[in-house]
């Protein structure tokens, strides 16, 4: 607190002010030594990891530190340290090998069980060599015979879902409606939308379907209104639709906001296509746990996982595992 100053043979004491401890210093002073060591090790590991991965690693480091601060405020520093300590432990080579081996065993068991269950659904004739084709046949088959076989298979498959116990597979069970769809598909089975000069009515139909969707999502309120730059395209199904939506959000965030490390925040019950989109388009998918009792995701948990790199927040209406609608 004091320093000795000697001038012309005269000694006097000069008080030196001691700075007041900061809030962070006060918080760290309350932690046990083991937690301080763990925090130092965690920070060192994150810095080394970020230096190895370059700019993307620095972004991940910043994201991890922000997330740790949020978790610290919510659960306390000790719980946050344990959480991130576990995450680092899972990244160690020995731990990763053990986890990978256990996951491989579980996956192989699931594949064997699924194959056995699905094969039980086939009749004995479908399991014979005559109806099992692993290579192109040397001789063509009779068309009437093919149609007879397909008709029989279709009848047996209908027995599996006509009872009304299928979820997320059959969206309309009306027989006359199915006949109508079959005829409509058959009329345009060779049409190729890439050639509007050859299939102008396919182009017209696609444009009108897109216009209907723009109206449903408030892009246009009347026939005379401008579409406001809204656009769309027909896809082959739900998976492709999700893939294109994620790509559109990624590209828009990159072009308008300069985001190079895009992130998707979604519940763990979200459609598997979001996993595919994150893999295909170089996006990070942040999954948020749902309530074990209701199957719903907490909006506050979603908000806490959002960062400046968030380009898309996804929800389900309803989700596949539980059939509930996310808030």
C-alpha atoms as a PDB file:
ATOM      1  CA  UNK A   1       0.000   0.000   0.000  1.00  0.00           C
ATOM      2  CA  UNK A   2       2.979   2.343   0.493  1.00  0.00           C
ATOM      3  CA  UNK A   3       6.236   3.041  -1.387  1.00  0.00           C
ATOM      4  CA  UNK A   4       9.390   4.680  -0.120  1.00  0.00           C
ATOM      5  CA  UNK A   5      10.624   7.694  -2.070  1.00  0.00           C
ATOM      6  CA  UNK A   6      14.119   9.080  -1.311  1.00  0.00           C
ATOM      7  CA  UNK A   7      14.909  12.631  -2.456  1.00  0.00           C
ATOM      8  CA  UNK A   8      17.879  14.669  -1.267  1.00  0.00           C
ATOM      9  CA  UNK A   9      18.343  12.354   1.663  1.00  0.00           C
ATOM     10  CA  UNK A  10      14.708  12.662   2.778  1.00  0.00           C
ATOM     11  CA  UNK A  11      12.590   9.533   2.886  1.00  0.00           C
ATOM     12  CA  UNK A  12       8.843   9.680   2.767  1.00  0.00           C
ATOM     13  CA  UNK A  13       6.054   7.204   2.091  1.00  0.00           C
ATOM     14  CA  UNK A  14       3.711   7.675  -0.861  1.00  0.00           C
ATOM     15  CA  UNK A  15       0.421   5.737  -0.841  1.00  0.00           C
ATOM     16  CA  UNK A  16      -0.198   3.637  -3.985  1.00  0.00           C
ATOM     17  CA  UNK A  17      -3.895   3.095  -4.778  1.00  0.00           C
ATOM     18  CA  UNK A  18      -4.932  -0.521  -5.254  1.00  0.00           C
ATOM     19  CA  UNK A  19      -7.533  -0.980  -8.011  1.00  0.00           C
ATOM     20  CA  UNK A  20     -10.895  -2.324  -6.940  1.00  0.00           C
ATOM     21  CA  UNK A  21     -11.423  -5.976  -7.956  1.00  0.00           C
ATOM     22  CA  UNK A  22     -13.613  -6.386 -11.004  1.00  0.00           C
ATOM     23  CA  UNK A  23     -16.815  -8.400 -11.066  1.00  0.00           C
ATOM     24  CA  UNK A  24     -15.033 -11.216 -12.898  1.00  0.00           C
ATOM     25  CA  UNK A  25     -12.267 -11.315 -10.282  1.00  0.00           C
ATOM     26  CA  UNK A  26     -14.838 -11.493  -7.515  1.00  0.00           C
ATOM     27  CA  UNK A  27     -16.612 -14.382  -9.263  1.00  0.00           C
ATOM     28  CA  UNK A  28     -13.371 -16.274  -9.885  1.00  0.00           C
ATOM     29  CA  UNK A  29     -12.227 -15.789  -6.284  1.00  0.00           C
ATOM     30  CA  UNK A  30     -15.228 -17.791  -5.093  1.00  0.00           C
ATOM     31  CA  UNK A  31     -14.360 -20.828  -7.237  1.00  0.00           C
ATOM     32  CA  UNK A  32     -12.462 -23.763  -5.751  1.00  0.00           C
ATOM     33  CA  UNK A  33      -8.884 -24.242  -7.024  1.00  0.00           C
ATOM     34  CA  UNK A  34      -9.901 -27.356  -8.971  1.00  0.00           C
ATOM     35  CA  UNK A  35     -12.479 -25.340 -10.918  1.00  0.00           C
ATOM     36  CA  UNK A  36      -9.916 -22.645 -11.688  1.00  0.00           C
ATOM     37  CA  UNK A  37      -7.566 -25.305 -13.036  1.00  0.00           C
ATOM     38  CA  UNK A  38     -10.378 -26.778 -15.129  1.00  0.00           C
ATOM     39  CA  UNK A  39     -11.304 -23.342 -16.486  1.00  0.00           C
ATOM     40  CA  UNK A  40      -7.678 -22.627 -17.415  1.00  0.00           C
ATOM     41  CA  UNK A  41      -7.367 -26.012 -19.134  1.00  0.00           C
ATOM     42  CA  UNK A  42     -10.655 -25.450 -20.962  1.00  0.00           C
ATOM     43  CA  UNK A  43      -9.598 -22.028 -22.228  1.00  0.00           C
ATOM     44  CA  UNK A  44      -6.197 -23.330 -23.339  1.00  0.00           C
ATOM     45  CA  UNK A  45      -7.755 -26.245 -25.193  1.00  0.00           C
ATOM     46  CA  UNK A  46     -10.240 -23.972 -26.972  1.00  0.00           C
ATOM     47  CA  UNK A  47      -7.507 -21.527 -28.010  1.00  0.00           C
ATOM     48  CA  UNK A  48      -5.283 -24.320 -29.354  1.00  0.00           C
ATOM     49  CA  UNK A  49      -8.217 -25.841 -31.215  1.00  0.00           C
ATOM     50  CA  UNK A  50      -9.105 -22.503 -32.764  1.00  0.00           C
ATOM     51  CA  UNK A  51      -5.516 -21.879 -33.879  1.00  0.00           C
ATOM     52  CA  UNK A  52      -5.401 -25.282 -35.556  1.00  0.00           C
ATOM     53  CA  UNK A  53      -8.646 -24.707 -37.462  1.00  0.00           C
ATOM     54  CA  UNK A  54      -7.921 -21.145 -38.590  1.00  0.00           C
ATOM     55  CA  UNK A  55     -10.693 -18.528 -39.011  1.00  0.00           C
ATOM     56  CA  UNK A  56     -13.459 -21.094 -38.576  1.00  0.00           C
ATOM     57  CA  UNK A  57     -11.847 -22.165 -35.311  1.00  0.00           C
ATOM     58  CA  UNK A  58     -11.802 -18.590 -34.029  1.00  0.00           C
ATOM     59  CA  UNK A  59     -15.503 -18.309 -34.808  1.00  0.00           C
ATOM     60  CA  UNK A  60     -16.160 -21.564 -32.956  1.00  0.00           C
ATOM     61  CA  UNK A  61     -14.097 -20.308 -29.997  1.00  0.00           C
ATOM     62  CA  UNK A  62     -16.087 -17.093 -29.821  1.00  0.00           C
ATOM     63  CA  UNK A  63     -19.331 -19.047 -30.060  1.00  0.00           C
ATOM     64  CA  UNK A  64     -18.242 -21.468 -27.319  1.00  0.00           C
ATOM     65  CA  UNK A  65     -17.226 -18.667 -24.957  1.00  0.00           C
ATOM     66  CA  UNK A  66     -20.524 -16.844 -25.478  1.00  0.00           C
ATOM     67  CA  UNK A  67     -22.428 -20.047 -24.889  1.00  0.00           C
ATOM     68  CA  UNK A  68     -20.419 -20.767 -21.724  1.00  0.00           C
ATOM     69  CA  UNK A  69     -21.249 -17.291 -20.391  1.00  0.00           C
ATOM     70  CA  UNK A  70     -24.946 -17.870 -21.063  1.00  0.00           C
ATOM     71  CA  UNK A  71     -24.864 -21.262 -19.358  1.00  0.00           C
ATOM     72  CA  UNK A  72     -22.914 -19.779 -16.438  1.00  0.00           C
ATOM     73  CA  UNK A  73     -25.582 -17.161 -15.877  1.00  0.00           C
ATOM     74  CA  UNK A  74     -28.312 -19.756 -16.041  1.00  0.00           C
ATOM     75  CA  UNK A  75     -26.801 -22.715 -14.166  1.00  0.00           C
ATOM     76  CA  UNK A  76     -23.767 -21.240 -12.439  1.00  0.00           C
ATOM     77  CA  UNK A  77     -20.047 -21.451 -13.309  1.00  0.00           C
ATOM     78  CA  UNK A  78     -19.575 -24.900 -11.789  1.00  0.00           C
ATOM     79  CA  UNK A  79     -22.313 -26.568 -13.822  1.00  0.00           C
ATOM     80  CA  UNK A  80     -21.137 -24.822 -16.981  1.00  0.00           C
ATOM     81  CA  UNK A  81     -17.573 -26.022 -16.378  1.00  0.00           C
ATOM     82  CA  UNK A  82     -18.745 -29.597 -15.895  1.00  0.00           C
ATOM     83  CA  UNK A  83     -20.813 -29.370 -19.079  1.00  0.00           C
ATOM     84  CA  UNK A  84     -17.956 -28.087 -21.221  1.00  0.00           C
ATOM     85  CA  UNK A  85     -15.469 -30.367 -19.509  1.00  0.00           C
ATOM     86  CA  UNK A  86     -17.609 -33.295 -20.635  1.00  0.00           C
ATOM     87  CA  UNK A  87     -17.710 -31.913 -24.166  1.00  0.00           C
ATOM     88  CA  UNK A  88     -13.916 -31.664 -24.252  1.00  0.00           C
ATOM     89  CA  UNK A  89     -13.571 -35.170 -22.820  1.00  0.00           C
ATOM     90  CA  UNK A  90     -15.733 -36.480 -25.653  1.00  0.00           C
ATOM     91  CA  UNK A  91     -13.285 -34.940 -28.134  1.00  0.00           C
ATOM     92  CA  UNK A  92     -10.283 -36.839 -26.767  1.00  0.00           C
ATOM     93  CA  UNK A  93      -9.029 -39.581 -29.156  1.00  0.00           C
ATOM     94  CA  UNK A  94      -9.564 -42.447 -26.698  1.00  0.00           C
ATOM     95  CA  UNK A  95     -13.045 -41.260 -25.781  1.00  0.00           C
ATOM     96  CA  UNK A  96     -13.981 -40.650 -29.416  1.00  0.00           C
ATOM     97  CA  UNK A  97     -12.913 -44.181 -30.380  1.00  0.00           C
ATOM     98  CA  UNK A  98     -14.925 -45.711 -27.571  1.00  0.00           C
ATOM     99  CA  UNK A  99     -18.027 -43.689 -28.396  1.00  0.00           C
ATOM    100  CA  UNK A 100     -17.654 -44.483 -32.102  1.00  0.00           C
ATOM    101  CA  UNK A 101     -17.309 -48.217 -31.411  1.00  0.00           C
ATOM    102  CA  UNK A 102     -20.401 -48.247 -29.203  1.00  0.00           C
ATOM    103  CA  UNK A 103     -22.393 -46.278 -31.767  1.00  0.00           C
ATOM    104  CA  UNK A 104     -21.292 -48.671 -34.524  1.00  0.00           C
ATOM    105  CA  UNK A 105     -22.449 -51.638 -32.456  1.00  0.00           C
ATOM    106  CA  UNK A 106     -25.822 -50.021 -31.773  1.00  0.00           C
ATOM    107  CA  UNK A 107     -26.256 -49.072 -35.435  1.00  0.00           C
ATOM    108  CA  UNK A 108     -25.429 -52.575 -36.661  1.00  0.00           C
ATOM    109  CA  UNK A 109     -27.911 -54.058 -34.197  1.00  0.00           C
ATOM    110  CA  UNK A 110     -30.617 -51.637 -35.342  1.00  0.00           C
ATOM    111  CA  UNK A 111     -29.967 -52.525 -38.998  1.00  0.00           C
ATOM    112  CA  UNK A 112     -30.197 -56.259 -38.284  1.00  0.00           C
ATOM    113  CA  UNK A 113     -33.418 -55.852 -36.300  1.00  0.00           C
ATOM    114  CA  UNK A 114     -34.977 -53.615 -38.954  1.00  0.00           C
ATOM    115  CA  UNK A 115     -34.069 -55.969 -41.805  1.00  0.00           C
ATOM    116  CA  UNK A 116     -35.491 -58.937 -39.924  1.00  0.00           C
ATOM    117  CA  UNK A 117     -38.712 -57.055 -39.145  1.00  0.00           C
ATOM    118  CA  UNK A 118     -39.156 -55.800 -42.693  1.00  0.00           C
ATOM    119  CA  UNK A 119     -38.420 -59.186 -44.263  1.00  0.00           C
ATOM    120  CA  UNK A 120     -41.158 -60.706 -42.112  1.00  0.00           C
ATOM    121  CA  UNK A 121     -43.633 -58.473 -43.948  1.00  0.00           C
ATOM    122  CA  UNK A 122     -42.859 -60.161 -47.267  1.00  0.00           C
ATOM    123  CA  UNK A 123     -44.661 -63.327 -48.321  1.00  0.00           C
ATOM    124  CA  UNK A 124     -42.731 -66.504 -49.071  1.00  0.00           C
ATOM    125  CA  UNK A 125     -42.972 -66.016 -52.844  1.00  0.00           C
ATOM    126  CA  UNK A 126     -41.262 -62.601 -52.664  1.00  0.00           C
ATOM    127  CA  UNK A 127     -38.311 -64.208 -50.874  1.00  0.00           C
ATOM    128  CA  UNK A 128     -37.714 -66.804 -53.560  1.00  0.00           C
ATOM    129  CA  UNK A 129     -34.925 -66.558 -56.103  1.00  0.00           C
ATOM    130  CA  UNK A 130     -37.463 -66.129 -58.916  1.00  0.00           C
ATOM    131  CA  UNK A 131     -38.719 -62.835 -57.414  1.00  0.00           C
ATOM    132  CA  UNK A 132     -35.358 -61.602 -56.147  1.00  0.00           C
ATOM    133  CA  UNK A 133     -33.325 -59.665 -58.726  1.00  0.00           C
ATOM    134  CA  UNK A 134     -29.878 -58.407 -57.753  1.00  0.00           C
ATOM    135  CA  UNK A 135     -28.671 -58.083 -61.363  1.00  0.00           C
ATOM    136  CA  UNK A 136     -30.211 -57.111 -64.666  1.00  0.00           C
ATOM    137  CA  UNK A 137     -32.123 -60.154 -65.997  1.00  0.00           C
ATOM    138  CA  UNK A 138     -30.853 -61.785 -69.173  1.00  0.00           C
ATOM    139  CA  UNK A 139     -34.356 -62.007 -70.621  1.00  0.00           C
ATOM    140  CA  UNK A 140     -37.192 -59.511 -70.553  1.00  0.00           C
ATOM    141  CA  UNK A 141     -40.323 -60.211 -68.548  1.00  0.00           C
ATOM    142  CA  UNK A 142     -43.847 -60.345 -69.851  1.00  0.00           C
ATOM    143  CA  UNK A 143     -45.664 -57.038 -69.296  1.00  0.00           C
ATOM    144  CA  UNK A 144     -48.882 -58.722 -68.216  1.00  0.00           C
ATOM    145  CA  UNK A 145     -46.913 -60.805 -65.731  1.00  0.00           C
ATOM    146  CA  UNK A 146     -45.217 -57.704 -64.326  1.00  0.00           C
ATOM    147  CA  UNK A 147     -48.553 -55.922 -63.914  1.00  0.00           C
ATOM    148  CA  UNK A 148     -50.064 -58.962 -62.244  1.00  0.00           C
ATOM    149  CA  UNK A 149     -47.176 -59.162 -59.789  1.00  0.00           C
ATOM    150  CA  UNK A 150     -47.243 -55.417 -59.038  1.00  0.00           C
ATOM    151  CA  UNK A 151     -51.014 -55.521 -58.541  1.00  0.00           C
ATOM    152  CA  UNK A 152     -50.625 -58.297 -55.995  1.00  0.00           C
ATOM    153  CA  UNK A 153     -47.849 -56.467 -54.163  1.00  0.00           C
ATOM    154  CA  UNK A 154     -49.912 -53.263 -54.105  1.00  0.00           C
ATOM    155  CA  UNK A 155     -52.890 -55.139 -52.632  1.00  0.00           C
ATOM    156  CA  UNK A 156     -50.766 -56.595 -49.839  1.00  0.00           C
ATOM    157  CA  UNK A 157     -49.191 -53.228 -49.041  1.00  0.00           C
ATOM    158  CA  UNK A 158     -52.615 -51.592 -48.818  1.00  0.00           C
ATOM    159  CA  UNK A 159     -53.529 -54.103 -46.134  1.00  0.00           C
ATOM    160  CA  UNK A 160     -50.682 -52.700 -44.008  1.00  0.00           C
ATOM    161  CA  UNK A 161     -51.940 -49.108 -43.963  1.00  0.00           C
ATOM    162  CA  UNK A 162     -55.659 -49.183 -44.771  1.00  0.00           C
ATOM    163  CA  UNK A 163     -56.435 -49.873 -41.125  1.00  0.00           C
ATOM    164  CA  UNK A 164     -55.548 -46.279 -40.286  1.00  0.00           C
ATOM    165  CA  UNK A 165     -52.502 -47.021 -38.141  1.00  0.00           C
ATOM    166  CA  UNK A 166     -49.925 -45.445 -40.466  1.00  0.00           C
ATOM    167  CA  UNK A 167     -48.400 -42.142 -39.324  1.00  0.00           C
ATOM    168  CA  UNK A 168     -46.707 -39.706 -41.682  1.00  0.00           C
ATOM    169  CA  UNK A 169     -46.806 -42.080 -44.654  1.00  0.00           C
ATOM    170  CA  UNK A 170     -50.277 -41.992 -46.226  1.00  0.00           C
ATOM    171  CA  UNK A 171     -52.027 -38.642 -46.405  1.00  0.00           C
ATOM    172  CA  UNK A 172     -55.262 -39.663 -48.117  1.00  0.00           C
ATOM    173  CA  UNK A 173     -56.947 -43.069 -48.119  1.00  0.00           C
ATOM    174  CA  UNK A 174     -59.823 -42.402 -50.528  1.00  0.00           C
ATOM    175  CA  UNK A 175     -59.841 -45.048 -53.271  1.00  0.00           C
ATOM    176  CA  UNK A 176     -61.411 -42.833 -55.941  1.00  0.00           C
ATOM    177  CA  UNK A 177     -58.938 -40.065 -55.206  1.00  0.00           C
ATOM    178  CA  UNK A 178     -56.036 -42.515 -55.659  1.00  0.00           C
ATOM    179  CA  UNK A 179     -57.454 -43.598 -59.006  1.00  0.00           C
ATOM    180  CA  UNK A 180     -57.691 -39.965 -60.047  1.00  0.00           C
ATOM    181  CA  UNK A 181     -54.075 -39.326 -59.025  1.00  0.00           C
ATOM    182  CA  UNK A 182     -52.907 -42.384 -60.964  1.00  0.00           C
ATOM    183  CA  UNK A 183     -54.583 -41.187 -64.131  1.00  0.00           C
ATOM    184  CA  UNK A 184     -53.225 -37.650 -63.727  1.00  0.00           C
ATOM    185  CA  UNK A 185     -49.684 -38.903 -63.142  1.00  0.00           C
ATOM    186  CA  UNK A 186     -49.935 -41.238 -66.094  1.00  0.00           C
ATOM    187  CA  UNK A 187     -50.898 -38.446 -68.489  1.00  0.00           C
ATOM    188  CA  UNK A 188     -47.691 -36.522 -67.701  1.00  0.00           C
ATOM    189  CA  UNK A 189     -45.320 -39.367 -66.754  1.00  0.00           C
ATOM    190  CA  UNK A 190     -42.845 -38.398 -69.522  1.00  0.00           C
ATOM    191  CA  UNK A 191     -43.093 -34.621 -69.020  1.00  0.00           C
ATOM    192  CA  UNK A 192     -39.865 -32.744 -68.254  1.00  0.00           C
ATOM    193  CA  UNK A 193     -40.282 -29.261 -66.706  1.00  0.00           C
ATOM    194  CA  UNK A 194     -36.763 -28.359 -67.847  1.00  0.00           C
ATOM    195  CA  UNK A 195     -38.213 -27.978 -71.363  1.00  0.00           C
ATOM    196  CA  UNK A 196     -41.095 -25.496 -71.166  1.00  0.00           C
ATOM    197  CA  UNK A 197     -41.039 -25.218 -74.960  1.00  0.00           C
ATOM    198  CA  UNK A 198     -42.166 -28.849 -75.121  1.00  0.00           C
ATOM    199  CA  UNK A 199     -44.332 -28.924 -71.987  1.00  0.00           C
ATOM    200  CA  UNK A 200     -45.900 -25.438 -71.675  1.00  0.00           C
ATOM    201  CA  UNK A 201     -48.877 -26.679 -69.657  1.00  0.00           C
ATOM    202  CA  UNK A 202     -46.576 -28.250 -67.065  1.00  0.00           C
ATOM    203  CA  UNK A 203     -44.925 -24.837 -66.726  1.00  0.00           C
ATOM    204  CA  UNK A 204     -48.350 -23.180 -66.383  1.00  0.00           C
ATOM    205  CA  UNK A 205     -49.422 -25.653 -63.693  1.00  0.00           C
ATOM    206  CA  UNK A 206     -46.198 -25.243 -61.714  1.00  0.00           C
ATOM    207  CA  UNK A 207     -46.443 -21.453 -61.832  1.00  0.00           C
ATOM    208  CA  UNK A 208     -50.013 -21.532 -60.544  1.00  0.00           C
ATOM    209  CA  UNK A 209     -49.149 -23.873 -57.663  1.00  0.00           C
ATOM    210  CA  UNK A 210     -46.283 -21.566 -56.645  1.00  0.00           C
ATOM    211  CA  UNK A 211     -48.640 -18.565 -56.849  1.00  0.00           C
ATOM    212  CA  UNK A 212     -51.099 -20.329 -54.532  1.00  0.00           C
ATOM    213  CA  UNK A 213     -48.349 -20.896 -51.953  1.00  0.00           C
ATOM    214  CA  UNK A 214     -47.251 -17.255 -52.200  1.00  0.00           C
ATOM    215  CA  UNK A 215     -50.818 -16.209 -51.426  1.00  0.00           C
ATOM    216  CA  UNK A 216     -51.084 -18.617 -48.459  1.00  0.00           C
ATOM    217  CA  UNK A 217     -47.906 -17.158 -46.971  1.00  0.00           C
ATOM    218  CA  UNK A 218     -49.085 -13.556 -47.455  1.00  0.00           C
ATOM    219  CA  UNK A 219     -46.796 -12.787 -50.356  1.00  0.00           C
ATOM    220  CA  UNK A 220     -49.771 -11.601 -52.370  1.00  0.00           C
ATOM    221  CA  UNK A 221     -53.244 -10.801 -51.047  1.00  0.00           C
ATOM    222  CA  UNK A 222     -55.170 -10.378 -54.311  1.00  0.00           C
ATOM    223  CA  UNK A 223     -54.869 -11.114 -58.017  1.00  0.00           C
ATOM    224  CA  UNK A 224     -53.891  -7.526 -58.806  1.00  0.00           C
ATOM    225  CA  UNK A 225     -51.203  -7.204 -56.102  1.00  0.00           C
ATOM    226  CA  UNK A 226     -47.508  -7.455 -56.844  1.00  0.00           C
ATOM    227  CA  UNK A 227     -45.844 -10.629 -55.544  1.00  0.00           C
ATOM    228  CA  UNK A 228     -43.219  -8.566 -53.730  1.00  0.00           C
ATOM    229  CA  UNK A 229     -40.371 -10.534 -55.238  1.00  0.00           C
ATOM    230  CA  UNK A 230     -41.656 -13.834 -53.812  1.00  0.00           C
ATOM    231  CA  UNK A 231     -40.827 -16.957 -55.770  1.00  0.00           C
ATOM    232  CA  UNK A 232     -40.789 -20.717 -55.414  1.00  0.00           C
ATOM    233  CA  UNK A 233     -40.364 -24.046 -57.133  1.00  0.00           C
ATOM    234  CA  UNK A 234     -41.945 -27.478 -57.048  1.00  0.00           C
ATOM    235  CA  UNK A 235     -39.885 -30.254 -55.443  1.00  0.00           C
ATOM    236  CA  UNK A 236     -40.014 -34.027 -55.286  1.00  0.00           C
ATOM    237  CA  UNK A 237     -41.064 -34.070 -51.629  1.00  0.00           C
ATOM    238  CA  UNK A 238     -40.504 -32.843 -48.096  1.00  0.00           C
ATOM    239  CA  UNK A 239     -36.792 -33.633 -47.895  1.00  0.00           C
ATOM    240  CA  UNK A 240     -35.923 -31.690 -51.037  1.00  0.00           C
ATOM    241  CA  UNK A 241     -38.110 -28.797 -49.887  1.00  0.00           C
ATOM    242  CA  UNK A 242     -36.211 -28.573 -46.589  1.00  0.00           C
ATOM    243  CA  UNK A 243     -32.861 -28.814 -48.369  1.00  0.00           C
ATOM    244  CA  UNK A 244     -33.709 -25.955 -50.722  1.00  0.00           C
ATOM    245  CA  UNK A 245     -35.091 -23.826 -47.875  1.00  0.00           C
ATOM    246  CA  UNK A 246     -31.863 -24.226 -45.878  1.00  0.00           C
ATOM    247  CA  UNK A 247     -29.771 -23.400 -48.927  1.00  0.00           C
ATOM    248  CA  UNK A 248     -31.856 -20.288 -49.585  1.00  0.00           C
ATOM    249  CA  UNK A 249     -31.352 -19.064 -45.993  1.00  0.00           C
ATOM    250  CA  UNK A 250     -27.629 -19.809 -46.161  1.00  0.00           C
ATOM    251  CA  UNK A 251     -27.172 -17.933 -49.441  1.00  0.00           C
ATOM    252  CA  UNK A 252     -29.271 -14.981 -48.316  1.00  0.00           C
ATOM    253  CA  UNK A 253     -27.338 -14.603 -45.047  1.00  0.00           C
ATOM    254  CA  UNK A 254     -24.041 -14.839 -46.897  1.00  0.00           C
ATOM    255  CA  UNK A 255     -24.995 -12.242 -49.534  1.00  0.00           C
ATOM    256  CA  UNK A 256     -26.813  -9.747 -47.301  1.00  0.00           C
ATOM    257  CA  UNK A 257     -25.129 -10.188 -43.899  1.00  0.00           C
ATOM    258  CA  UNK A 258     -21.721 -11.601 -44.784  1.00  0.00           C
ATOM    259  CA  UNK A 259     -22.183 -14.741 -42.666  1.00  0.00           C
ATOM    260  CA  UNK A 260     -19.621 -17.398 -43.590  1.00  0.00           C
ATOM    261  CA  UNK A 261     -20.329 -19.837 -40.726  1.00  0.00           C
ATOM    262  CA  UNK A 262     -24.131 -20.255 -40.909  1.00  0.00           C
ATOM    263  CA  UNK A 263     -26.023 -21.977 -38.110  1.00  0.00           C
ATOM    264  CA  UNK A 264     -29.445 -23.612 -37.825  1.00  0.00           C
ATOM    265  CA  UNK A 265     -31.191 -23.794 -34.452  1.00  0.00           C
ATOM    266  CA  UNK A 266     -33.842 -26.496 -34.161  1.00  0.00           C
ATOM    267  CA  UNK A 267     -35.359 -28.956 -31.656  1.00  0.00           C
ATOM    268  CA  UNK A 268     -33.963 -32.480 -31.452  1.00  0.00           C
ATOM    269  CA  UNK A 269     -37.282 -33.708 -32.895  1.00  0.00           C
ATOM    270  CA  UNK A 270     -36.860 -31.784 -36.152  1.00  0.00           C
ATOM    271  CA  UNK A 271     -36.997 -33.576 -39.519  1.00  0.00           C
ATOM    272  CA  UNK A 272     -33.850 -35.525 -40.438  1.00  0.00           C
ATOM    273  CA  UNK A 273     -33.536 -33.484 -43.642  1.00  0.00           C
ATOM    274  CA  UNK A 274     -32.083 -30.630 -41.573  1.00  0.00           C
ATOM    275  CA  UNK A 275     -29.186 -32.937 -40.699  1.00  0.00           C
ATOM    276  CA  UNK A 276     -28.666 -33.590 -44.400  1.00  0.00           C
ATOM    277  CA  UNK A 277     -28.871 -29.889 -45.266  1.00  0.00           C
ATOM    278  CA  UNK A 278     -26.286 -28.985 -42.626  1.00  0.00           C
ATOM    279  CA  UNK A 279     -23.949 -31.634 -44.016  1.00  0.00           C
ATOM    280  CA  UNK A 280     -24.475 -30.769 -47.695  1.00  0.00           C
ATOM    281  CA  UNK A 281     -24.272 -26.996 -47.385  1.00  0.00           C
ATOM    282  CA  UNK A 282     -21.594 -26.577 -44.704  1.00  0.00           C
ATOM    283  CA  UNK A 283     -23.956 -25.355 -41.986  1.00  0.00           C
ATOM    284  CA  UNK A 284     -23.834 -26.013 -38.246  1.00  0.00           C
ATOM    285  CA  UNK A 285     -26.979 -27.569 -36.793  1.00  0.00           C
ATOM    286  CA  UNK A 286     -27.559 -26.680 -33.135  1.00  0.00           C
ATOM    287  CA  UNK A 287     -30.116 -29.051 -31.625  1.00  0.00           C
ATOM    288  CA  UNK A 288     -32.139 -27.997 -28.584  1.00  0.00           C
ATOM    289  CA  UNK A 289     -33.556 -30.615 -26.213  1.00  0.00           C
ATOM    290  CA  UNK A 290     -37.310 -30.936 -25.779  1.00  0.00           C
ATOM    291  CA  UNK A 291     -39.351 -31.509 -22.658  1.00  0.00           C
ATOM    292  CA  UNK A 292     -39.380 -35.221 -21.788  1.00  0.00           C
ATOM    293  CA  UNK A 293     -43.030 -35.128 -20.752  1.00  0.00           C
ATOM    294  CA  UNK A 294     -44.634 -32.951 -23.440  1.00  0.00           C
ATOM    295  CA  UNK A 295     -42.165 -33.336 -26.301  1.00  0.00           C
ATOM    296  CA  UNK A 296     -42.190 -29.545 -26.785  1.00  0.00           C
ATOM    297  CA  UNK A 297     -39.149 -27.325 -27.100  1.00  0.00           C
ATOM    298  CA  UNK A 298     -38.628 -24.356 -24.784  1.00  0.00           C
ATOM    299  CA  UNK A 299     -38.603 -21.089 -26.730  1.00  0.00           C
ATOM    300  CA  UNK A 300     -36.169 -19.566 -24.233  1.00  0.00           C
ATOM    301  CA  UNK A 301     -33.726 -22.430 -24.826  1.00  0.00           C
ATOM    302  CA  UNK A 302     -33.956 -21.787 -28.560  1.00  0.00           C
ATOM    303  CA  UNK A 303     -33.316 -18.083 -28.023  1.00  0.00           C
ATOM    304  CA  UNK A 304     -30.269 -18.790 -25.847  1.00  0.00           C
ATOM    305  CA  UNK A 305     -28.710 -20.847 -28.646  1.00  0.00           C
ATOM    306  CA  UNK A 306     -29.165 -18.137 -31.256  1.00  0.00           C
ATOM    307  CA  UNK A 307     -26.086 -16.153 -32.246  1.00  0.00           C
ATOM    308  CA  UNK A 308     -25.033 -13.675 -34.910  1.00  0.00           C
ATOM    309  CA  UNK A 309     -24.415 -16.651 -37.193  1.00  0.00           C
ATOM    310  CA  UNK A 310     -27.974 -17.958 -36.903  1.00  0.00           C
ATOM    311  CA  UNK A 311     -29.570 -17.942 -40.345  1.00  0.00           C
ATOM    312  CA  UNK A 312     -32.550 -20.201 -39.667  1.00  0.00           C
ATOM    313  CA  UNK A 313     -34.696 -21.277 -36.721  1.00  0.00           C
ATOM    314  CA  UNK A 314     -36.736 -24.387 -37.490  1.00  0.00           C
ATOM    315  CA  UNK A 315     -39.808 -25.925 -35.898  1.00  0.00           C
ATOM    316  CA  UNK A 316     -42.285 -28.689 -36.732  1.00  0.00           C
ATOM    317  CA  UNK A 317     -46.044 -28.641 -37.140  1.00  0.00           C
ATOM    318  CA  UNK A 318     -46.244 -31.430 -36.119  1.00  0.00           C
ATOM    319  CA  UNK A 319     -42.976 -33.259 -35.460  1.00  0.00           C
ATOM    320  CA  UNK A 320     -42.394 -36.874 -36.459  1.00  0.00           C
ATOM    321  CA  UNK A 321     -41.535 -38.523 -33.104  1.00  0.00           C
ATOM    322  CA  UNK A 322     -44.463 -37.251 -31.002  1.00  0.00           C
ATOM    323  CA  UNK A 323     -46.906 -35.543 -33.360  1.00  0.00           C
ATOM    324  CA  UNK A 324     -46.942 -32.306 -31.334  1.00  0.00           C
ATOM    325  CA  UNK A 325     -46.664 -28.795 -32.734  1.00  0.00           C
ATOM    326  CA  UNK A 326     -43.658 -26.758 -31.660  1.00  0.00           C
ATOM    327  CA  UNK A 327     -44.526 -23.384 -30.083  1.00  0.00           C
END
